[in-house]
Amino acid sequence: MYDNSEQRSAVLPLVLSTVGSVLVGMVVRRLRGNRAAARGETAGRTAGRGGLRAGRARPARRNARGPVL
């Protein structure tokens, strides 16, 4: 029987890269918000926390009938 106990798991690198990407996104978002606040842009899409979400409209659905099965 084949013993795969010597093989390394790919789960930890996947988790670490995902967490790293999320942290980088959070830092970039905060930097953009700080720069917008320094420029005096208090209203609009880049206003503080959640500003991107608040200015976003609901996306139009491509297919109103649902997925093709």
PDB file of N, CA and C in Angstrom:
ATOM      1  N   MET A   1       0.843  -1.186   0.000  1.00  0.00           N
ATOM      2  CA  MET A   1       0.000   0.000   0.000  1.00  0.00           C
ATOM      3  C   MET A   1       0.884   1.244   0.000  1.00  0.00           C
ATOM      4  N   TYR A   2       0.420   2.270  -0.652  1.00  0.00           N
ATOM      5  CA  TYR A   2       1.193   3.512  -0.780  1.00  0.00           C
ATOM      6  C   TYR A   2       1.035   4.352   0.482  1.00  0.00           C
ATOM      7  N   ASP A   3       2.138   4.827   1.003  1.00  0.00           N
ATOM      8  CA  ASP A   3       2.133   5.656   2.210  1.00  0.00           C
ATOM      9  C   ASP A   3       2.354   7.116   1.803  1.00  0.00           C
ATOM     10  N   ASN A   4       1.347   7.930   1.981  1.00  0.00           N
ATOM     11  CA  ASN A   4       1.477   9.337   1.590  1.00  0.00           C
ATOM     12  C   ASN A   4       1.750  10.243   2.786  1.00  0.00           C
ATOM     13  N   SER A   5       2.218   9.695   3.893  1.00  0.00           N
ATOM     14  CA  SER A   5       2.488  10.517   5.069  1.00  0.00           C
ATOM     15  C   SER A   5       3.694  11.425   4.861  1.00  0.00           C
ATOM     16  N   GLU A   6       4.514  11.143   3.855  1.00  0.00           N
ATOM     17  CA  GLU A   6       5.678  11.964   3.579  1.00  0.00           C
ATOM     18  C   GLU A   6       5.334  13.191   2.745  1.00  0.00           C
ATOM     19  N   GLN A   7       4.165  13.209   2.137  1.00  0.00           N
ATOM     20  CA  GLN A   7       3.795  14.328   1.283  1.00  0.00           C
ATOM     21  C   GLN A   7       3.358  15.513   2.128  1.00  0.00           C
ATOM     22  N   ARG A   8       3.728  16.697   1.662  1.00  0.00           N
ATOM     23  CA  ARG A   8       3.335  17.914   2.359  1.00  0.00           C
ATOM     24  C   ARG A   8       1.934  18.316   1.933  1.00  0.00           C
ATOM     25  N   SER A   9       1.206  18.876   2.853  1.00  0.00           N
ATOM     26  CA  SER A   9      -0.139  19.337   2.564  1.00  0.00           C
ATOM     27  C   SER A   9      -0.091  20.704   1.888  1.00  0.00           C
ATOM     28  N   ALA A  10      -1.017  20.942   0.977  1.00  0.00           N
ATOM     29  CA  ALA A  10      -1.089  22.225   0.282  1.00  0.00           C
ATOM     30  C   ALA A  10      -2.100  23.164   0.943  1.00  0.00           C
ATOM     31  N   VAL A  11      -2.675  22.746   2.055  1.00  0.00           N
ATOM     32  CA  VAL A  11      -3.714  23.557   2.684  1.00  0.00           C
ATOM     33  C   VAL A  11      -3.117  24.796   3.353  1.00  0.00           C
ATOM     34  N   LEU A  12      -2.031  24.628   4.080  1.00  0.00           N
ATOM     35  CA  LEU A  12      -1.452  25.765   4.794  1.00  0.00           C
ATOM     36  C   LEU A  12      -0.997  26.878   3.850  1.00  0.00           C
ATOM     37  N   PRO A  13      -0.274  26.590   2.765  1.00  0.00           N
ATOM     38  CA  PRO A  13       0.074  27.685   1.844  1.00  0.00           C
ATOM     39  C   PRO A  13      -1.150  28.361   1.235  1.00  0.00           C
ATOM     40  N   LEU A  14      -2.187  27.598   0.973  1.00  0.00           N
ATOM     41  CA  LEU A  14      -3.404  28.190   0.419  1.00  0.00           C
ATOM     42  C   LEU A  14      -4.050  29.140   1.420  1.00  0.00           C
ATOM     43  N   VAL A  15      -4.143  28.712   2.666  1.00  0.00           N
ATOM     44  CA  VAL A  15      -4.740  29.560   3.705  1.00  0.00           C
ATOM     45  C   VAL A  15      -3.902  30.814   3.921  1.00  0.00           C
ATOM     46  N   LEU A  16      -2.577  30.644   3.978  1.00  0.00           N
ATOM     47  CA  LEU A  16      -1.712  31.800   4.215  1.00  0.00           C
ATOM     48  C   LEU A  16      -1.767  32.799   3.065  1.00  0.00           C
ATOM     49  N   SER A  17      -1.813  32.310   1.844  1.00  0.00           N
ATOM     50  CA  SER A  17      -1.878  33.242   0.715  1.00  0.00           C
ATOM     51  C   SER A  17      -3.229  33.960   0.683  1.00  0.00           C
ATOM     52  N   THR A  18      -4.295  33.269   1.047  1.00  0.00           N
ATOM     53  CA  THR A  18      -5.614  33.906   1.080  1.00  0.00           C
ATOM     54  C   THR A  18      -5.670  34.984   2.153  1.00  0.00           C
ATOM     55  N   VAL A  19      -5.176  34.663   3.331  1.00  0.00           N
ATOM     56  CA  VAL A  19      -5.163  35.648   4.425  1.00  0.00           C
ATOM     57  C   VAL A  19      -4.282  36.829   4.054  1.00  0.00           C
ATOM     58  N   GLY A  20      -3.142  36.562   3.427  1.00  0.00           N
ATOM     59  CA  GLY A  20      -2.260  37.645   3.003  1.00  0.00           C
ATOM     60  C   GLY A  20      -2.929  38.559   1.999  1.00  0.00           C
ATOM     61  N   SER A  21      -3.665  37.973   1.056  1.00  0.00           N
ATOM     62  CA  SER A  21      -4.360  38.785   0.063  1.00  0.00           C
ATOM     63  C   SER A  21      -5.429  39.660   0.713  1.00  0.00           C
ATOM     64  N   VAL A  22      -6.131  39.110   1.675  1.00  0.00           N
ATOM     65  CA  VAL A  22      -7.166  39.891   2.369  1.00  0.00           C
ATOM     66  C   VAL A  22      -6.532  41.048   3.131  1.00  0.00           C
ATOM     67  N   LEU A  23      -5.415  40.783   3.804  1.00  0.00           N
ATOM     68  CA  LEU A  23      -4.751  41.847   4.558  1.00  0.00           C
ATOM     69  C   LEU A  23      -4.224  42.948   3.639  1.00  0.00           C
ATOM     70  N   VAL A  24      -3.670  42.575   2.518  1.00  0.00           N
ATOM     71  CA  VAL A  24      -3.183  43.573   1.558  1.00  0.00           C
ATOM     72  C   VAL A  24      -4.356  44.416   1.053  1.00  0.00           C
ATOM     73  N   GLY A  25      -5.479  43.777   0.762  1.00  0.00           N
ATOM     74  CA  GLY A  25      -6.664  44.514   0.315  1.00  0.00           C
ATOM     75  C   GLY A  25      -7.155  45.500   1.356  1.00  0.00           C
ATOM     76  N   MET A  26      -7.121  45.086   2.627  1.00  0.00           N
ATOM     77  CA  MET A  26      -7.555  45.984   3.694  1.00  0.00           C
ATOM     78  C   MET A  26      -6.626  47.187   3.817  1.00  0.00           C
ATOM     79  N   VAL A  27      -5.324  46.952   3.698  1.00  0.00           N
ATOM     80  CA  VAL A  27      -4.365  48.051   3.788  1.00  0.00           C
ATOM     81  C   VAL A  27      -4.545  49.015   2.630  1.00  0.00           C
ATOM     82  N   VAL A  28      -4.717  48.488   1.423  1.00  0.00           N
ATOM     83  CA  VAL A  28      -4.899  49.351   0.249  1.00  0.00           C
ATOM     84  C   VAL A  28      -6.176  50.171   0.385  1.00  0.00           C
ATOM     85  N   ARG A  29      -7.230  49.554   0.867  1.00  0.00           N
ATOM     86  CA  ARG A  29      -8.488  50.279   1.040  1.00  0.00           C
ATOM     87  C   ARG A  29      -8.341  51.416   2.045  1.00  0.00           C
ATOM     88  N   ARG A  30      -7.631  51.129   3.138  1.00  0.00           N
ATOM     89  CA  ARG A  30      -7.436  52.175   4.149  1.00  0.00           C
ATOM     90  C   ARG A  30      -6.571  53.308   3.614  1.00  0.00           C
ATOM     91  N   LEU A  31      -5.524  52.969   2.865  1.00  0.00           N
ATOM     92  CA  LEU A  31      -4.678  54.010   2.281  1.00  0.00           C
ATOM     93  C   LEU A  31      -5.461  54.889   1.317  1.00  0.00           C
ATOM     94  N   ARG A  32      -6.287  54.279   0.491  1.00  0.00           N
ATOM     95  CA  ARG A  32      -7.098  55.074  -0.437  1.00  0.00           C
ATOM     96  C   ARG A  32      -8.062  55.976   0.305  1.00  0.00           C
ATOM     97  N   GLY A  33      -8.661  55.454   1.384  1.00  0.00           N
ATOM     98  CA  GLY A  33      -9.569  56.273   2.176  1.00  0.00           C
ATOM     99  C   GLY A  33      -8.860  57.438   2.838  1.00  0.00           C
ATOM    100  N   ASN A  34      -7.654  57.167   3.356  1.00  0.00           N
ATOM    101  CA  ASN A  34      -6.883  58.241   3.998  1.00  0.00           C
ATOM    102  C   ASN A  34      -6.481  59.305   2.988  1.00  0.00           C
ATOM    103  N   ARG A  35      -6.074  58.894   1.800  1.00  0.00           N
ATOM    104  CA  ARG A  35      -5.695  59.860   0.770  1.00  0.00           C
ATOM    105  C   ARG A  35      -6.895  60.687   0.326  1.00  0.00           C
ATOM    106  N   ALA A  36      -8.061  60.042   0.213  1.00  0.00           N
ATOM    107  CA  ALA A  36      -9.267  60.774  -0.173  1.00  0.00           C
ATOM    108  C   ALA A  36      -9.656  61.773   0.913  1.00  0.00           C
ATOM    109  N   ALA A  37      -9.514  61.370   2.167  1.00  0.00           N
ATOM    110  CA  ALA A  37      -9.842  62.278   3.263  1.00  0.00           C
ATOM    111  C   ALA A  37      -8.868  63.452   3.291  1.00  0.00           C
ATOM    112  N   ALA A  38      -7.608  63.191   2.976  1.00  0.00           N
ATOM    113  CA  ALA A  38      -6.626  64.277   2.958  1.00  0.00           C
ATOM    114  C   ALA A  38      -6.911  65.264   1.830  1.00  0.00           C
ATOM    115  N   ARG A  39      -7.482  64.768   0.739  1.00  0.00           N
ATOM    116  CA  ARG A  39      -7.839  65.664  -0.373  1.00  0.00           C
ATOM    117  C   ARG A  39      -9.146  66.390  -0.115  1.00  0.00           C
ATOM    118  N   GLY A  40      -9.870  65.969   0.906  1.00  0.00           N
ATOM    119  CA  GLY A  40     -11.121  66.628   1.237  1.00  0.00           C
ATOM    120  C   GLY A  40     -12.334  65.999   0.591  1.00  0.00           C
ATOM    121  N   GLU A  41     -12.189  64.800   0.053  1.00  0.00           N
ATOM    122  CA  GLU A  41     -13.332  64.110  -0.553  1.00  0.00           C
ATOM    123  C   GLU A  41     -14.095  63.376   0.538  1.00  0.00           C
ATOM    124  N   THR A  42     -15.097  64.042   1.097  1.00  0.00           N
ATOM    125  CA  THR A  42     -15.852  63.424   2.178  1.00  0.00           C
ATOM    126  C   THR A  42     -17.054  62.663   1.669  1.00  0.00           C
ATOM    127  N   ALA A  43     -17.526  62.971   0.483  1.00  0.00           N
ATOM    128  CA  ALA A  43     -18.675  62.262  -0.073  1.00  0.00           C
ATOM    129  C   ALA A  43     -18.228  61.492  -1.306  1.00  0.00           C
ATOM    130  N   GLY A  44     -18.951  60.451  -1.602  1.00  0.00           N
ATOM    131  CA  GLY A  44     -18.632  59.689  -2.804  1.00  0.00           C
ATOM    132  C   GLY A  44     -18.237  58.273  -2.493  1.00  0.00           C
ATOM    133  N   ARG A  45     -17.592  57.652  -3.462  1.00  0.00           N
ATOM    134  CA  ARG A  45     -17.303  56.230  -3.356  1.00  0.00           C
ATOM    135  C   ARG A  45     -16.169  55.913  -2.400  1.00  0.00           C
ATOM    136  N   THR A  46     -15.281  56.846  -2.113  1.00  0.00           N
ATOM    137  CA  THR A  46     -14.104  56.537  -1.306  1.00  0.00           C
ATOM    138  C   THR A  46     -14.182  57.164   0.073  1.00  0.00           C
ATOM    139  N   ALA A  47     -15.361  57.399   0.578  1.00  0.00           N
ATOM    140  CA  ALA A  47     -15.503  58.083   1.854  1.00  0.00           C
ATOM    141  C   ALA A  47     -15.427  57.100   3.017  1.00  0.00           C
ATOM    142  N   GLY A  48     -14.269  56.971   3.623  1.00  0.00           N
ATOM    143  CA  GLY A  48     -14.113  56.225   4.868  1.00  0.00           C
ATOM    144  C   GLY A  48     -14.441  54.750   4.768  1.00  0.00           C
ATOM    145  N   ARG A  49     -14.797  54.174   5.908  1.00  0.00           N
ATOM    146  CA  ARG A  49     -15.094  52.740   5.950  1.00  0.00           C
ATOM    147  C   ARG A  49     -16.435  52.456   5.302  1.00  0.00           C
ATOM    148  N   GLY A  50     -16.465  51.491   4.423  1.00  0.00           N
ATOM    149  CA  GLY A  50     -17.698  51.115   3.767  1.00  0.00           C
ATOM    150  C   GLY A  50     -18.127  52.053   2.664  1.00  0.00           C
ATOM    151  N   GLY A  51     -17.294  53.008   2.321  1.00  0.00           N
ATOM    152  CA  GLY A  51     -17.647  53.985   1.296  1.00  0.00           C
ATOM    153  C   GLY A  51     -17.794  53.350  -0.071  1.00  0.00           C
ATOM    154  N   LEU A  52     -16.975  52.361  -0.350  1.00  0.00           N
ATOM    155  CA  LEU A  52     -17.077  51.693  -1.643  1.00  0.00           C
ATOM    156  C   LEU A  52     -18.398  50.936  -1.744  1.00  0.00           C
ATOM    157  N   ARG A  53     -18.791  50.313  -0.654  1.00  0.00           N
ATOM    158  CA  ARG A  53     -20.032  49.555  -0.674  1.00  0.00           C
ATOM    159  C   ARG A  53     -21.253  50.469  -0.750  1.00  0.00           C
ATOM    160  N   ALA A  54     -21.187  51.611  -0.074  1.00  0.00           N
ATOM    161  CA  ALA A  54     -22.344  52.497  -0.011  1.00  0.00           C
ATOM    162  C   ALA A  54     -22.660  53.110  -1.367  1.00  0.00           C
ATOM    163  N   GLY A  55     -21.645  53.397  -2.177  1.00  0.00           N
ATOM    164  CA  GLY A  55     -21.870  54.044  -3.455  1.00  0.00           C
ATOM    165  C   GLY A  55     -22.184  53.084  -4.588  1.00  0.00           C
ATOM    166  N   ARG A  56     -22.135  51.804  -4.309  1.00  0.00           N
ATOM    167  CA  ARG A  56     -22.291  50.805  -5.357  1.00  0.00           C
ATOM    168  C   ARG A  56     -23.766  50.436  -5.536  1.00  0.00           C
ATOM    169  N   ALA A  57     -24.209  50.461  -6.754  1.00  0.00           N
ATOM    170  CA  ALA A  57     -25.583  50.052  -7.032  1.00  0.00           C
ATOM    171  C   ALA A  57     -25.631  48.529  -7.156  1.00  0.00           C
ATOM    172  N   ARG A  58     -26.805  47.989  -7.073  1.00  0.00           N
ATOM    173  CA  ARG A  58     -26.956  46.543  -7.223  1.00  0.00           C
ATOM    174  C   ARG A  58     -26.637  46.159  -8.662  1.00  0.00           C
ATOM    175  N   PRO A  59     -25.771  45.184  -8.864  1.00  0.00           N
ATOM    176  CA  PRO A  59     -25.383  44.835 -10.239  1.00  0.00           C
ATOM    177  C   PRO A  59     -26.541  44.211 -11.007  1.00  0.00           C
ATOM    178  N   ALA A  60     -26.605  44.537 -12.277  1.00  0.00           N
ATOM    179  CA  ALA A  60     -27.652  43.986 -13.125  1.00  0.00           C
ATOM    180  C   ALA A  60     -27.372  42.510 -13.377  1.00  0.00           C
ATOM    181  N   ARG A  61     -28.412  41.712 -13.370  1.00  0.00           N
ATOM    182  CA  ARG A  61     -28.232  40.280 -13.626  1.00  0.00           C
ATOM    183  C   ARG A  61     -28.108  40.057 -15.121  1.00  0.00           C
ATOM    184  N   ARG A  62     -27.190  39.199 -15.497  1.00  0.00           N
ATOM    185  CA  ARG A  62     -26.994  38.920 -16.905  1.00  0.00           C
ATOM    186  C   ARG A  62     -28.108  38.051 -17.460  1.00  0.00           C
ATOM    187  N   ASN A  63     -28.503  37.061 -16.682  1.00  0.00           N
ATOM    188  CA  ASN A  63     -29.514  36.136 -17.160  1.00  0.00           C
ATOM    189  C   ASN A  63     -30.646  36.095 -16.122  1.00  0.00           C
ATOM    190  N   ALA A  64     -31.767  36.710 -16.445  1.00  0.00           N
ATOM    191  CA  ALA A  64     -32.876  36.811 -15.513  1.00  0.00           C
ATOM    192  C   ALA A  64     -33.542  35.470 -15.269  1.00  0.00           C
ATOM    193  N   ARG A  65     -33.327  34.491 -16.121  1.00  0.00           N
ATOM    194  CA  ARG A  65     -33.985  33.204 -15.968  1.00  0.00           C
ATOM    195  C   ARG A  65     -33.170  32.237 -15.106  1.00  0.00           C
ATOM    196  N   GLY A  66     -31.955  32.596 -14.747  1.00  0.00           N
ATOM    197  CA  GLY A  66     -31.143  31.727 -13.926  1.00  0.00           C
ATOM    198  C   GLY A  66     -30.155  30.941 -14.754  1.00  0.00           C
ATOM    199  N   PRO A  67     -29.414  30.053 -14.120  1.00  0.00           N
ATOM    200  CA  PRO A  67     -28.387  29.307 -14.838  1.00  0.00           C
ATOM    201  C   PRO A  67     -28.985  28.239 -15.758  1.00  0.00           C
ATOM    202  N   VAL A  68     -28.249  27.913 -16.775  1.00  0.00           N
ATOM    203  CA  VAL A  68     -28.649  26.841 -17.676  1.00  0.00           C
ATOM    204  C   VAL A  68     -28.129  25.538 -17.085  1.00  0.00           C
ATOM    205  N   LEU A  69     -29.016  24.614 -16.842  1.00  0.00           N
ATOM    206  CA  LEU A  69     -28.605  23.348 -16.236  1.00  0.00           C
ATOM    207  C   LEU A  69     -28.411  22.264 -17.261  1.00  0.00           C
TER     208      LEU A  69
END
